[in-house]
């Protein structure tokens, strides 16, 4: 499960709600036209932040996958070229003998 992305989203939403709460304090005293512009601006920046989160998450996921592949590769015993070649020849020879 991806906890990294959830943490980043929570931080972004906290900032968004904090910013939006500041605008609500002055919502009654400021003209409607200005309030709509501010809300659009806040929402646009929030969308931009979510795009950044997605980009960072993709980078993080690639890093995790790379580390996992390295772990699996380290656990897997290495075979030499001749061992693999001999193994393939035995498989093909056994298939021929069965026929």
PDB file of N, CA and C in Angstrom:
ATOM      1  N   UNK A   1       0.838  -1.184   0.000  1.00  0.00           N
ATOM      2  CA  UNK A   1       0.000   0.000   0.000  1.00  0.00           C
ATOM      3  C   UNK A   1       0.881   1.245   0.000  1.00  0.00           C
ATOM      4  N   UNK A   2       0.379   2.280  -0.589  1.00  0.00           N
ATOM      5  CA  UNK A   2       1.169   3.485  -0.779  1.00  0.00           C
ATOM      6  C   UNK A   2       0.819   4.536   0.270  1.00  0.00           C
ATOM      7  N   UNK A   3       1.644   4.614   1.309  1.00  0.00           N
ATOM      8  CA  UNK A   3       1.399   5.592   2.361  1.00  0.00           C
ATOM      9  C   UNK A   3       2.026   6.942   2.039  1.00  0.00           C
ATOM     10  N   UNK A   4       3.026   6.947   1.207  1.00  0.00           N
ATOM     11  CA  UNK A   4       3.714   8.176   0.853  1.00  0.00           C
ATOM     12  C   UNK A   4       2.755   9.165   0.186  1.00  0.00           C
ATOM     13  N   UNK A   5       1.989   8.692  -0.776  1.00  0.00           N
ATOM     14  CA  UNK A   5       1.061   9.564  -1.495  1.00  0.00           C
ATOM     15  C   UNK A   5      -0.029  10.084  -0.560  1.00  0.00           C
ATOM     16  N   UNK A   6      -0.508   9.237   0.326  1.00  0.00           N
ATOM     17  CA  UNK A   6      -1.551   9.662   1.261  1.00  0.00           C
ATOM     18  C   UNK A   6      -1.061  10.780   2.178  1.00  0.00           C
ATOM     19  N   UNK A   7       0.184  10.677   2.629  1.00  0.00           N
ATOM     20  CA  UNK A   7       0.744  11.731   3.482  1.00  0.00           C
ATOM     21  C   UNK A   7       0.822  13.047   2.724  1.00  0.00           C
ATOM     22  N   UNK A   8       1.294  12.990   1.482  1.00  0.00           N
ATOM     23  CA  UNK A   8       1.411  14.204   0.681  1.00  0.00           C
ATOM     24  C   UNK A   8       0.040  14.831   0.393  1.00  0.00           C
ATOM     25  N   UNK A   9      -0.940  14.001   0.115  1.00  0.00           N
ATOM     26  CA  UNK A   9      -2.296  14.511  -0.135  1.00  0.00           C
ATOM     27  C   UNK A   9      -2.856  15.163   1.122  1.00  0.00           C
ATOM     28  N   UNK A  10      -2.645  14.540   2.268  1.00  0.00           N
ATOM     29  CA  UNK A  10      -3.146  15.126   3.516  1.00  0.00           C
ATOM     30  C   UNK A  10      -2.519  16.486   3.796  1.00  0.00           C
ATOM     31  N   UNK A  11      -1.234  16.614   3.557  1.00  0.00           N
ATOM     32  CA  UNK A  11      -0.552  17.895   3.764  1.00  0.00           C
ATOM     33  C   UNK A  11      -1.120  18.955   2.827  1.00  0.00           C
ATOM     34  N   UNK A  12      -1.326  18.572   1.566  1.00  0.00           N
ATOM     35  CA  UNK A  12      -1.870  19.518   0.584  1.00  0.00           C
ATOM     36  C   UNK A  12      -3.271  19.964   0.959  1.00  0.00           C
ATOM     37  N   UNK A  13      -4.099  19.019   1.356  1.00  0.00           N
ATOM     38  CA  UNK A  13      -5.472  19.379   1.730  1.00  0.00           C
ATOM     39  C   UNK A  13      -5.513  20.239   2.989  1.00  0.00           C
ATOM     40  N   UNK A  14      -4.635  19.962   3.925  1.00  0.00           N
ATOM     41  CA  UNK A  14      -4.572  20.806   5.124  1.00  0.00           C
ATOM     42  C   UNK A  14      -4.242  22.248   4.760  1.00  0.00           C
ATOM     43  N   UNK A  15      -3.278  22.421   3.878  1.00  0.00           N
ATOM     44  CA  UNK A  15      -2.911  23.768   3.429  1.00  0.00           C
ATOM     45  C   UNK A  15      -4.070  24.430   2.678  1.00  0.00           C
ATOM     46  N   UNK A  16      -4.736  23.647   1.846  1.00  0.00           N
ATOM     47  CA  UNK A  16      -5.866  24.172   1.079  1.00  0.00           C
ATOM     48  C   UNK A  16      -6.984  24.637   2.015  1.00  0.00           C
ATOM     49  N   UNK A  17      -7.345  23.805   2.980  1.00  0.00           N
ATOM     50  CA  UNK A  17      -8.423  24.170   3.907  1.00  0.00           C
ATOM     51  C   UNK A  17      -8.031  25.360   4.776  1.00  0.00           C
ATOM     52  N   UNK A  18      -6.774  25.419   5.149  1.00  0.00           N
ATOM     53  CA  UNK A  18      -6.305  26.563   5.930  1.00  0.00           C
ATOM     54  C   UNK A  18      -6.435  27.857   5.123  1.00  0.00           C
ATOM     55  N   UNK A  19      -6.010  27.819   3.883  1.00  0.00           N
ATOM     56  CA  UNK A  19      -6.105  28.995   3.010  1.00  0.00           C
ATOM     57  C   UNK A  19      -7.558  29.368   2.777  1.00  0.00           C
ATOM     58  N   UNK A  20      -8.379  28.371   2.531  1.00  0.00           N
ATOM     59  CA  UNK A  20      -9.795  28.635   2.284  1.00  0.00           C
ATOM     60  C   UNK A  20     -10.475  29.202   3.525  1.00  0.00           C
ATOM     61  N   UNK A  21     -10.099  28.754   4.698  1.00  0.00           N
ATOM     62  CA  UNK A  21     -10.709  29.277   5.930  1.00  0.00           C
ATOM     63  C   UNK A  21     -10.387  30.754   6.122  1.00  0.00           C
ATOM     64  N   UNK A  22      -9.189  31.183   5.685  1.00  0.00           N
ATOM     65  CA  UNK A  22      -8.851  32.604   5.771  1.00  0.00           C
ATOM     66  C   UNK A  22      -9.735  33.441   4.862  1.00  0.00           C
ATOM     67  N   UNK A  23     -10.100  32.894   3.729  1.00  0.00           N
ATOM     68  CA  UNK A  23     -10.979  33.652   2.828  1.00  0.00           C
ATOM     69  C   UNK A  23     -12.403  33.708   3.362  1.00  0.00           C
ATOM     70  N   UNK A  24     -12.829  32.703   4.103  1.00  0.00           N
ATOM     71  CA  UNK A  24     -14.193  32.713   4.645  1.00  0.00           C
ATOM     72  C   UNK A  24     -14.375  33.797   5.705  1.00  0.00           C
ATOM     73  N   UNK A  25     -13.309  34.137   6.385  1.00  0.00           N
ATOM     74  CA  UNK A  25     -13.405  35.191   7.395  1.00  0.00           C
ATOM     75  C   UNK A  25     -13.776  36.532   6.769  1.00  0.00           C
ATOM     76  N   UNK A  26     -13.323  36.756   5.567  1.00  0.00           N
ATOM     77  CA  UNK A  26     -13.571  38.039   4.896  1.00  0.00           C
ATOM     78  C   UNK A  26     -14.629  37.933   3.805  1.00  0.00           C
ATOM     79  N   UNK A  27     -15.269  36.787   3.675  1.00  0.00           N
ATOM     80  CA  UNK A  27     -16.203  36.547   2.582  1.00  0.00           C
ATOM     81  C   UNK A  27     -17.378  37.525   2.572  1.00  0.00           C
ATOM     82  N   UNK A  28     -17.845  37.932   3.732  1.00  0.00           N
ATOM     83  CA  UNK A  28     -18.999  38.836   3.817  1.00  0.00           C
ATOM     84  C   UNK A  28     -18.637  40.279   3.489  1.00  0.00           C
ATOM     85  N   UNK A  29     -17.379  40.624   3.638  1.00  0.00           N
ATOM     86  CA  UNK A  29     -16.969  42.018   3.479  1.00  0.00           C
ATOM     87  C   UNK A  29     -16.345  42.336   2.114  1.00  0.00           C
ATOM     88  N   UNK A  30     -16.070  41.313   1.354  1.00  0.00           N
ATOM     89  CA  UNK A  30     -15.394  41.496   0.066  1.00  0.00           C
ATOM     90  C   UNK A  30     -16.418  41.260  -1.050  1.00  0.00           C
ATOM     91  N   UNK A  31     -16.306  41.995  -2.145  1.00  0.00           N
ATOM     92  CA  UNK A  31     -17.254  41.796  -3.254  1.00  0.00           C
ATOM     93  C   UNK A  31     -17.218  40.365  -3.816  1.00  0.00           C
ATOM     94  N   UNK A  32     -18.358  39.932  -4.307  1.00  0.00           N
ATOM     95  CA  UNK A  32     -18.520  38.565  -4.812  1.00  0.00           C
ATOM     96  C   UNK A  32     -17.552  38.255  -5.964  1.00  0.00           C
ATOM     97  N   UNK A  33     -17.348  39.207  -6.827  1.00  0.00           N
ATOM     98  CA  UNK A  33     -16.460  39.012  -7.968  1.00  0.00           C
ATOM     99  C   UNK A  33     -15.041  38.662  -7.500  1.00  0.00           C
ATOM    100  N   UNK A  34     -14.556  39.357  -6.498  1.00  0.00           N
ATOM    101  CA  UNK A  34     -13.219  39.104  -5.966  1.00  0.00           C
ATOM    102  C   UNK A  34     -13.160  37.727  -5.293  1.00  0.00           C
ATOM    103  N   UNK A  35     -14.211  37.387  -4.577  1.00  0.00           N
ATOM    104  CA  UNK A  35     -14.246  36.087  -3.886  1.00  0.00           C
ATOM    105  C   UNK A  35     -14.196  34.920  -4.868  1.00  0.00           C
ATOM    106  N   UNK A  36     -14.904  35.033  -5.969  1.00  0.00           N
ATOM    107  CA  UNK A  36     -14.866  33.942  -6.960  1.00  0.00           C
ATOM    108  C   UNK A  36     -13.486  33.817  -7.573  1.00  0.00           C
ATOM    109  N   UNK A  37     -12.828  34.957  -7.818  1.00  0.00           N
ATOM    110  CA  UNK A  37     -11.460  34.909  -8.359  1.00  0.00           C
ATOM    111  C   UNK A  37     -10.514  34.233  -7.378  1.00  0.00           C
ATOM    112  N   UNK A  38     -10.656  34.562  -6.113  1.00  0.00           N
ATOM    113  CA  UNK A  38      -9.787  33.964  -5.092  1.00  0.00           C
ATOM    114  C   UNK A  38     -10.033  32.459  -4.996  1.00  0.00           C
ATOM    115  N   UNK A  39     -11.286  32.050  -5.022  1.00  0.00           N
ATOM    116  CA  UNK A  39     -11.607  30.620  -4.942  1.00  0.00           C
ATOM    117  C   UNK A  39     -11.052  29.865  -6.148  1.00  0.00           C
ATOM    118  N   UNK A  40     -11.177  30.435  -7.327  1.00  0.00           N
ATOM    119  CA  UNK A  40     -10.622  29.801  -8.528  1.00  0.00           C
ATOM    120  C   UNK A  40      -9.106  29.683  -8.434  1.00  0.00           C
ATOM    121  N   UNK A  41      -8.475  30.731  -7.932  1.00  0.00           N
ATOM    122  CA  UNK A  41      -7.023  30.737  -7.789  1.00  0.00           C
ATOM    123  C   UNK A  41      -6.568  29.652  -6.801  1.00  0.00           C
ATOM    124  N   UNK A  42      -7.271  29.555  -5.690  1.00  0.00           N
ATOM    125  CA  UNK A  42      -6.935  28.540  -4.678  1.00  0.00           C
ATOM    126  C   UNK A  42      -7.112  27.137  -5.268  1.00  0.00           C
ATOM    127  N   UNK A  43      -8.218  26.930  -5.968  1.00  0.00           N
ATOM    128  CA  UNK A  43      -8.496  25.622  -6.548  1.00  0.00           C
ATOM    129  C   UNK A  43      -7.466  25.266  -7.620  1.00  0.00           C
ATOM    130  N   UNK A  44      -7.073  26.242  -8.439  1.00  0.00           N
ATOM    131  CA  UNK A  44      -6.062  26.024  -9.478  1.00  0.00           C
ATOM    132  C   UNK A  44      -4.734  25.596  -8.849  1.00  0.00           C
ATOM    133  N   UNK A  45      -4.345  26.255  -7.780  1.00  0.00           N
ATOM    134  CA  UNK A  45      -3.097  25.899  -7.100  1.00  0.00           C
ATOM    135  C   UNK A  45      -3.186  24.525  -6.444  1.00  0.00           C
ATOM    136  N   UNK A  46      -4.362  24.179  -5.960  1.00  0.00           N
ATOM    137  CA  UNK A  46      -4.532  22.856  -5.374  1.00  0.00           C
ATOM    138  C   UNK A  46      -4.363  21.784  -6.451  1.00  0.00           C
ATOM    139  N   UNK A  47      -4.939  21.995  -7.628  1.00  0.00           N
ATOM    140  CA  UNK A  47      -4.782  21.037  -8.720  1.00  0.00           C
ATOM    141  C   UNK A  47      -3.314  20.908  -9.116  1.00  0.00           C
ATOM    142  N   UNK A  48      -2.620  22.030  -9.135  1.00  0.00           N
ATOM    143  CA  UNK A  48      -1.196  22.024  -9.467  1.00  0.00           C
ATOM    144  C   UNK A  48      -0.415  21.208  -8.425  1.00  0.00           C
ATOM    145  N   UNK A  49      -0.783  21.372  -7.165  1.00  0.00           N
ATOM    146  CA  UNK A  49      -0.123  20.617  -6.094  1.00  0.00           C
ATOM    147  C   UNK A  49      -0.363  19.115  -6.236  1.00  0.00           C
ATOM    148  N   UNK A  50      -1.581  18.745  -6.629  1.00  0.00           N
ATOM    149  CA  UNK A  50      -1.878  17.330  -6.821  1.00  0.00           C
ATOM    150  C   UNK A  50      -1.076  16.745  -7.984  1.00  0.00           C
ATOM    151  N   UNK A  51      -0.841  17.533  -9.013  1.00  0.00           N
ATOM    152  CA  UNK A  51      -0.002  17.056 -10.117  1.00  0.00           C
ATOM    153  C   UNK A  51       1.421  16.825  -9.637  1.00  0.00           C
ATOM    154  N   UNK A  52       1.914  17.734  -8.795  1.00  0.00           N
ATOM    155  CA  UNK A  52       3.257  17.554  -8.236  1.00  0.00           C
ATOM    156  C   UNK A  52       3.317  16.307  -7.366  1.00  0.00           C
ATOM    157  N   UNK A  53       2.262  16.080  -6.606  1.00  0.00           N
ATOM    158  CA  UNK A  53       2.203  14.889  -5.751  1.00  0.00           C
ATOM    159  C   UNK A  53       2.257  13.631  -6.609  1.00  0.00           C
ATOM    160  N   UNK A  54       1.494  13.613  -7.699  1.00  0.00           N
ATOM    161  CA  UNK A  54       1.506  12.448  -8.579  1.00  0.00           C
ATOM    162  C   UNK A  54       2.892  12.205  -9.168  1.00  0.00           C
ATOM    163  N   UNK A  55       3.556  13.279  -9.554  1.00  0.00           N
ATOM    164  CA  UNK A  55       4.898  13.141 -10.121  1.00  0.00           C
ATOM    165  C   UNK A  55       5.863  12.581  -9.079  1.00  0.00           C
ATOM    166  N   UNK A  56       5.832  13.147  -7.871  1.00  0.00           N
ATOM    167  CA  UNK A  56       6.715  12.657  -6.805  1.00  0.00           C
ATOM    168  C   UNK A  56       6.398  11.214  -6.442  1.00  0.00           C
ATOM    169  N   UNK A  57       5.118  10.865  -6.484  1.00  0.00           N
ATOM    170  CA  UNK A  57       4.728   9.500  -6.159  1.00  0.00           C
ATOM    171  C   UNK A  57       5.245   8.521  -7.209  1.00  0.00           C
ATOM    172  N   UNK A  58       5.190   8.902  -8.490  1.00  0.00           N
ATOM    173  CA  UNK A  58       5.723   8.041  -9.539  1.00  0.00           C
ATOM    174  C   UNK A  58       7.220   7.804  -9.343  1.00  0.00           C
ATOM    175  N   UNK A  59       7.933   8.855  -8.990  1.00  0.00           N
ATOM    176  CA  UNK A  59       9.370   8.725  -8.734  1.00  0.00           C
ATOM    177  C   UNK A  59       9.615   7.797  -7.552  1.00  0.00           C
ATOM    178  N   UNK A  60       8.835   7.974  -6.494  1.00  0.00           N
ATOM    179  CA  UNK A  60       8.961   7.149  -5.289  1.00  0.00           C
ATOM    180  C   UNK A  60       8.649   5.684  -5.594  1.00  0.00           C
ATOM    181  N   UNK A  61       7.595   5.446  -6.381  1.00  0.00           N
ATOM    182  CA  UNK A  61       7.224   4.073  -6.718  1.00  0.00           C
ATOM    183  C   UNK A  61       8.289   3.402  -7.570  1.00  0.00           C
ATOM    184  N   UNK A  62       8.893   4.141  -8.512  1.00  0.00           N
ATOM    185  CA  UNK A  62       9.985   3.587  -9.312  1.00  0.00           C
ATOM    186  C   UNK A  62      11.145   3.184  -8.426  1.00  0.00           C
ATOM    187  N   UNK A  63      11.459   4.038  -7.459  1.00  0.00           N
ATOM    188  CA  UNK A  63      12.561   3.747  -6.547  1.00  0.00           C
ATOM    189  C   UNK A  63      12.268   2.479  -5.740  1.00  0.00           C
ATOM    190  N   UNK A  64      11.032   2.348  -5.245  1.00  0.00           N
ATOM    191  CA  UNK A  64      10.667   1.146  -4.484  1.00  0.00           C
ATOM    192  C   UNK A  64      10.753  -0.106  -5.349  1.00  0.00           C
ATOM    193  N   UNK A  65      10.281  -0.017  -6.588  1.00  0.00           N
ATOM    194  CA  UNK A  65      10.341  -1.172  -7.485  1.00  0.00           C
ATOM    195  C   UNK A  65      11.782  -1.561  -7.771  1.00  0.00           C
ATOM    196  N   UNK A  66      12.624  -0.562  -7.981  1.00  0.00           N
ATOM    197  CA  UNK A  66      14.036  -0.827  -8.256  1.00  0.00           C
ATOM    198  C   UNK A  66      14.696  -1.516  -7.066  1.00  0.00           C
ATOM    199  N   UNK A  67      14.404  -1.034  -5.858  1.00  0.00           N
ATOM    200  CA  UNK A  67      14.967  -1.665  -4.658  1.00  0.00           C
ATOM    201  C   UNK A  67      14.476  -3.101  -4.508  1.00  0.00           C
ATOM    202  N   UNK A  68      13.188  -3.330  -4.806  1.00  0.00           N
ATOM    203  CA  UNK A  68      12.629  -4.671  -4.693  1.00  0.00           C
ATOM    204  C   UNK A  68      13.277  -5.613  -5.702  1.00  0.00           C
ATOM    205  N   UNK A  69      13.502  -5.136  -6.920  1.00  0.00           N
ATOM    206  CA  UNK A  69      14.170  -5.963  -7.922  1.00  0.00           C
ATOM    207  C   UNK A  69      15.588  -6.307  -7.488  1.00  0.00           C
ATOM    208  N   UNK A  70      16.285  -5.330  -6.909  1.00  0.00           N
ATOM    209  CA  UNK A  70      17.645  -5.579  -6.435  1.00  0.00           C
ATOM    210  C   UNK A  70      17.659  -6.608  -5.325  1.00  0.00           C
ATOM    211  N   UNK A  71      16.667  -6.556  -4.430  1.00  0.00           N
ATOM    212  CA  UNK A  71      16.576  -7.553  -3.352  1.00  0.00           C
ATOM    213  C   UNK A  71      16.354  -8.944  -3.932  1.00  0.00           C
ATOM    214  N   UNK A  72      15.415  -9.039  -4.879  1.00  0.00           N
ATOM    215  CA  UNK A  72      15.122 -10.328  -5.487  1.00  0.00           C
ATOM    216  C   UNK A  72      16.328 -10.866  -6.248  1.00  0.00           C
ATOM    217  N   UNK A  73      17.032  -9.973  -6.904  1.00  0.00           N
ATOM    218  CA  UNK A  73      18.213 -10.384  -7.659  1.00  0.00           C
ATOM    219  C   UNK A  73      19.311 -10.868  -6.717  1.00  0.00           C
ATOM    220  N   UNK A  74      19.447 -10.225  -5.559  1.00  0.00           N
ATOM    221  CA  UNK A  74      20.469 -10.626  -4.589  1.00  0.00           C
ATOM    222  C   UNK A  74      20.141 -11.985  -3.972  1.00  0.00           C
ATOM    223  N   UNK A  75      18.850 -12.279  -3.794  1.00  0.00           N
ATOM    224  CA  UNK A  75      18.454 -13.555  -3.206  1.00  0.00           C
ATOM    225  C   UNK A  75      18.558 -14.712  -4.196  1.00  0.00           C
ATOM    226  N   UNK A  76      18.425 -14.416  -5.478  1.00  0.00           N
ATOM    227  CA  UNK A  76      18.429 -15.442  -6.503  1.00  0.00           C
ATOM    228  C   UNK A  76      19.858 -15.927  -6.760  1.00  0.00           C
ATOM    229  N   UNK A  77      20.072 -17.235  -6.717  1.00  0.00           N
ATOM    230  CA  UNK A  77      21.433 -17.735  -6.977  1.00  0.00           C
ATOM    231  C   UNK A  77      21.799 -17.518  -8.443  1.00  0.00           C
ATOM    232  N   UNK A  78      23.050 -17.163  -8.663  1.00  0.00           N
ATOM    233  CA  UNK A  78      23.511 -16.920 -10.033  1.00  0.00           C
ATOM    234  C   UNK A  78      23.960 -18.229 -10.661  1.00  0.00           C
ATOM    235  N   UNK A  79      23.608 -18.390 -11.917  1.00  0.00           N
ATOM    236  CA  UNK A  79      24.066 -19.543 -12.678  1.00  0.00           C
ATOM    237  C   UNK A  79      25.030 -19.042 -13.744  1.00  0.00           C
ATOM    238  N   UNK A  80      26.014 -19.831 -13.984  1.00  0.00           N
ATOM    239  CA  UNK A  80      26.958 -19.447 -15.026  1.00  0.00           C
ATOM    240  C   UNK A  80      26.339 -19.709 -16.395  1.00  0.00           C
ATOM    241  N   UNK A  81      26.964 -19.161 -17.387  1.00  0.00           N
ATOM    242  CA  UNK A  81      26.486 -19.339 -18.753  1.00  0.00           C
ATOM    243  C   UNK A  81      26.450 -20.811 -19.133  1.00  0.00           C
ATOM    244  N   UNK A  82      27.476 -21.566 -18.725  1.00  0.00           N
ATOM    245  CA  UNK A  82      27.562 -22.980 -19.092  1.00  0.00           C
ATOM    246  C   UNK A  82      26.509 -23.810 -18.361  1.00  0.00           C
ATOM    247  N   UNK A  83      26.181 -23.435 -17.132  1.00  0.00           N
ATOM    248  CA  UNK A  83      25.132 -24.154 -16.409  1.00  0.00           C
ATOM    249  C   UNK A  83      23.789 -23.967 -17.097  1.00  0.00           C
ATOM    250  N   UNK A  84      23.507 -22.734 -17.509  1.00  0.00           N
ATOM    251  CA  UNK A  84      22.242 -22.481 -18.204  1.00  0.00           C
ATOM    252  C   UNK A  84      22.208 -23.200 -19.555  1.00  0.00           C
ATOM    253  N   UNK A  85      23.318 -23.189 -20.261  1.00  0.00           N
ATOM    254  CA  UNK A  85      23.392 -23.844 -21.556  1.00  0.00           C
ATOM    255  C   UNK A  85      23.199 -25.350 -21.407  1.00  0.00           C
ATOM    256  N   UNK A  86      23.861 -25.927 -20.419  1.00  0.00           N
ATOM    257  CA  UNK A  86      23.734 -27.354 -20.182  1.00  0.00           C
ATOM    258  C   UNK A  86      22.306 -27.718 -19.775  1.00  0.00           C
ATOM    259  N   UNK A  87      21.687 -26.887 -18.974  1.00  0.00           N
ATOM    260  CA  UNK A  87      20.314 -27.124 -18.540  1.00  0.00           C
ATOM    261  C   UNK A  87      19.374 -27.120 -19.741  1.00  0.00           C
ATOM    262  N   UNK A  88      19.552 -26.195 -20.642  1.00  0.00           N
ATOM    263  CA  UNK A  88      18.706 -26.129 -21.840  1.00  0.00           C
ATOM    264  C   UNK A  88      18.914 -27.359 -22.717  1.00  0.00           C
ATOM    265  N   UNK A  89      20.154 -27.763 -22.865  1.00  0.00           N
ATOM    266  CA  UNK A  89      20.422 -28.955 -23.680  1.00  0.00           C
ATOM    267  C   UNK A  89      19.776 -30.182 -23.077  1.00  0.00           C
ATOM    268  N   UNK A  90      19.815 -30.327 -21.777  1.00  0.00           N
ATOM    269  CA  UNK A  90      19.185 -31.469 -21.125  1.00  0.00           C
ATOM    270  C   UNK A  90      17.683 -31.453 -21.335  1.00  0.00           C
ATOM    271  N   UNK A  91      17.085 -30.276 -21.266  1.00  0.00           N
ATOM    272  CA  UNK A  91      15.644 -30.182 -21.471  1.00  0.00           C
ATOM    273  C   UNK A  91      15.274 -30.589 -22.890  1.00  0.00           C
ATOM    274  N   UNK A  92      16.018 -30.109 -23.853  1.00  0.00           N
ATOM    275  CA  UNK A  92      15.718 -30.475 -25.240  1.00  0.00           C
ATOM    276  C   UNK A  92      16.006 -31.944 -25.492  1.00  0.00           C
ATOM    277  N   UNK A  93      17.064 -32.480 -24.903  1.00  0.00           N
ATOM    278  CA  UNK A  93      17.371 -33.909 -25.063  1.00  0.00           C
ATOM    279  C   UNK A  93      16.304 -34.779 -24.429  1.00  0.00           C
ATOM    280  N   UNK A  94      15.782 -34.382 -23.288  1.00  0.00           N
ATOM    281  CA  UNK A  94      14.742 -35.170 -22.647  1.00  0.00           C
ATOM    282  C   UNK A  94      13.452 -35.130 -23.453  1.00  0.00           C
ATOM    283  N   UNK A  95      13.184 -34.002 -24.088  1.00  0.00           N
ATOM    284  CA  UNK A  95      12.000 -33.910 -24.936  1.00  0.00           C
ATOM    285  C   UNK A  95      12.136 -34.828 -26.147  1.00  0.00           C
ATOM    286  N   UNK A  96      13.312 -34.932 -26.688  1.00  0.00           N
ATOM    287  CA  UNK A  96      13.539 -35.806 -27.831  1.00  0.00           C
ATOM    288  C   UNK A  96      13.420 -37.284 -27.445  1.00  0.00           C
ATOM    289  N   UNK A  97      13.883 -37.626 -26.253  1.00  0.00           N
ATOM    290  CA  UNK A  97      13.834 -39.026 -25.802  1.00  0.00           C
ATOM    291  C   UNK A  97      12.393 -39.474 -25.569  1.00  0.00           C
ATOM    292  N   UNK A  98      11.535 -38.553 -25.129  1.00  0.00           N
ATOM    293  CA  UNK A  98      10.139 -38.919 -24.867  1.00  0.00           C
ATOM    294  C   UNK A  98       9.392 -39.258 -26.150  1.00  0.00           C
ATOM    295  N   UNK A  99       9.758 -38.624 -27.246  1.00  0.00           N
ATOM    296  CA  UNK A  99       9.082 -38.868 -28.507  1.00  0.00           C
ATOM    297  C   UNK A  99       9.404 -40.207 -29.030  1.00  0.00           C
TER     298      UNK A  99
END
